[in-house]
């Protein structure tokens, strides 16, 4: 009875070195990409949320055009326009890129 209760210890054996290397590479890529995404929020080029300017959306305005104008006027084109769009969307709690004529937006400057 004791012999049936004993567990046989099995050693793990790498069957395919190529498959193991590819799996390990995929895991490393996943870990590195998620850490880059997580720490991207702490970028030194991030916008500080201290001052805001109210802007009323005009006919033909897009978030890109508003952010580009804001970049030229306040940041001398040193900021990434995509980061400015993200800051505008976050500040105004916009779910998408849709804005409406007459809508007041708070622009971080």
Protein backbone atom coordinates (compact mmCIF):
# COMPACT_ATOMS: atom_id res chain seq x y z
CA UNK A 1 0.00 0.00 0.00
CA UNK A 2 2.81 2.37 0.75
CA UNK A 3 4.26 2.01 -2.69
CA UNK A 4 1.02 3.16 -4.28
CA UNK A 5 0.94 6.25 -2.04
CA UNK A 6 4.39 7.34 -3.00
CA UNK A 7 4.54 9.95 -5.64
CA UNK A 8 6.98 9.66 -8.37
CA UNK A 9 8.96 12.81 -8.79
CA UNK A 10 9.17 13.84 -12.37
CA UNK A 11 11.82 16.08 -13.71
CA UNK A 12 10.75 18.68 -16.21
CA UNK A 13 12.59 18.25 -19.43
CA UNK A 14 12.82 20.84 -22.17
CA UNK A 15 11.70 19.02 -25.27
CA UNK A 16 12.19 21.77 -27.80
CA UNK A 17 14.82 24.42 -27.17
CA UNK A 18 13.40 26.57 -29.94
CA UNK A 19 9.90 26.54 -28.47
CA UNK A 20 11.32 27.33 -25.01
CA UNK A 21 13.37 30.25 -26.36
CA UNK A 22 10.37 31.67 -28.22
CA UNK A 23 8.16 31.39 -25.13
CA UNK A 24 10.76 33.08 -22.97
CA UNK A 25 11.18 35.84 -25.56
CA UNK A 26 7.42 36.45 -25.71
CA UNK A 27 7.23 36.68 -21.93
CA UNK A 28 10.08 39.19 -21.84
CA UNK A 29 8.51 41.30 -24.60
CA UNK A 30 5.18 41.30 -22.75
CA UNK A 31 6.79 42.36 -19.46
CA UNK A 32 8.84 45.10 -21.11
CA UNK A 33 5.92 46.50 -23.12
CA UNK A 34 3.59 46.62 -20.12
CA UNK A 35 6.24 48.34 -18.02
CA UNK A 36 6.84 50.90 -20.79
CA UNK A 37 3.11 51.62 -20.95
CA UNK A 38 2.86 51.90 -17.17
CA UNK A 39 5.82 54.22 -16.80
CA UNK A 40 4.88 56.27 -19.86
CA UNK A 41 2.43 58.14 -17.64
CA UNK A 42 5.40 59.49 -15.69
CA UNK A 43 7.01 61.04 -18.76
CA UNK A 44 8.91 64.24 -18.09
CA UNK A 45 7.14 65.79 -21.11
CA UNK A 46 3.73 65.30 -19.45
CA UNK A 47 1.45 68.27 -19.06
CA UNK A 48 1.07 69.79 -15.64
CA UNK A 49 -2.52 70.40 -14.69
CA UNK A 50 -2.13 73.77 -12.98
CA UNK A 51 -3.63 76.44 -15.24
CA UNK A 52 -6.56 76.21 -17.62
CA UNK A 53 -7.91 78.36 -20.42
CA UNK A 54 -11.56 78.13 -21.48
CA UNK A 55 -12.05 77.70 -25.21
CA UNK A 56 -15.40 77.67 -27.03
CA UNK A 57 -15.47 75.26 -29.96
CA UNK A 58 -16.00 76.96 -33.33
CA UNK A 59 -17.23 75.53 -36.63
CA UNK A 60 -14.53 73.36 -38.22
CA UNK A 61 -12.56 72.80 -35.01
CA UNK A 62 -11.15 69.40 -34.19
CA UNK A 63 -9.22 68.29 -31.13
CA UNK A 64 -6.13 68.09 -33.33
CA UNK A 65 -6.50 71.66 -34.61
CA UNK A 66 -7.18 73.01 -31.10
CA UNK A 67 -4.18 71.13 -29.66
CA UNK A 68 -1.94 72.27 -32.55
CA UNK A 69 -2.89 75.91 -32.01
CA UNK A 70 -2.42 75.54 -28.26
CA UNK A 71 0.99 73.95 -28.89
CA UNK A 72 2.09 76.89 -31.06
CA UNK A 73 0.79 79.59 -28.72
CA UNK A 74 1.76 78.23 -25.32
CA UNK A 75 4.47 75.62 -25.80
CA UNK A 76 6.41 76.86 -28.89
CA UNK A 77 5.69 73.50 -30.58
CA UNK A 78 7.70 71.55 -28.01
CA UNK A 79 4.87 69.28 -26.86
CA UNK A 80 3.58 66.25 -28.69
CA UNK A 81 0.14 67.14 -30.09
CA UNK A 82 -1.16 63.67 -29.18
CA UNK A 83 -0.30 64.30 -25.52
CA UNK A 84 -2.12 67.62 -25.65
CA UNK A 85 -5.20 65.91 -27.11
CA UNK A 86 -5.04 63.32 -24.33
CA UNK A 87 -4.79 66.10 -21.72
CA UNK A 88 -7.77 67.95 -23.24
CA UNK A 89 -9.85 64.76 -23.29
CA UNK A 90 -8.86 63.89 -19.73
CA UNK A 91 -9.50 67.40 -18.39
CA UNK A 92 -12.92 67.64 -20.05
CA UNK A 93 -13.84 63.99 -19.41
CA UNK A 94 -14.39 63.29 -23.11
CA UNK A 95 -14.91 59.63 -24.01
CA UNK A 96 -14.10 60.09 -27.69
CA UNK A 97 -12.87 62.69 -30.11
CA UNK A 98 -16.27 64.22 -30.79
CA UNK A 99 -16.71 67.88 -29.90
CA UNK A 100 -19.62 70.21 -30.67
CA UNK A 101 -19.92 73.82 -31.82
CA UNK A 102 -20.40 76.07 -28.79
CA UNK A 103 -18.98 73.52 -26.35
CA UNK A 104 -16.66 75.03 -23.73
CA UNK A 105 -13.40 73.15 -23.26
CA UNK A 106 -10.88 73.62 -20.47
CA UNK A 107 -7.41 73.66 -22.06
CA UNK A 108 -4.44 72.98 -19.80
CA UNK A 109 -1.74 75.59 -20.43
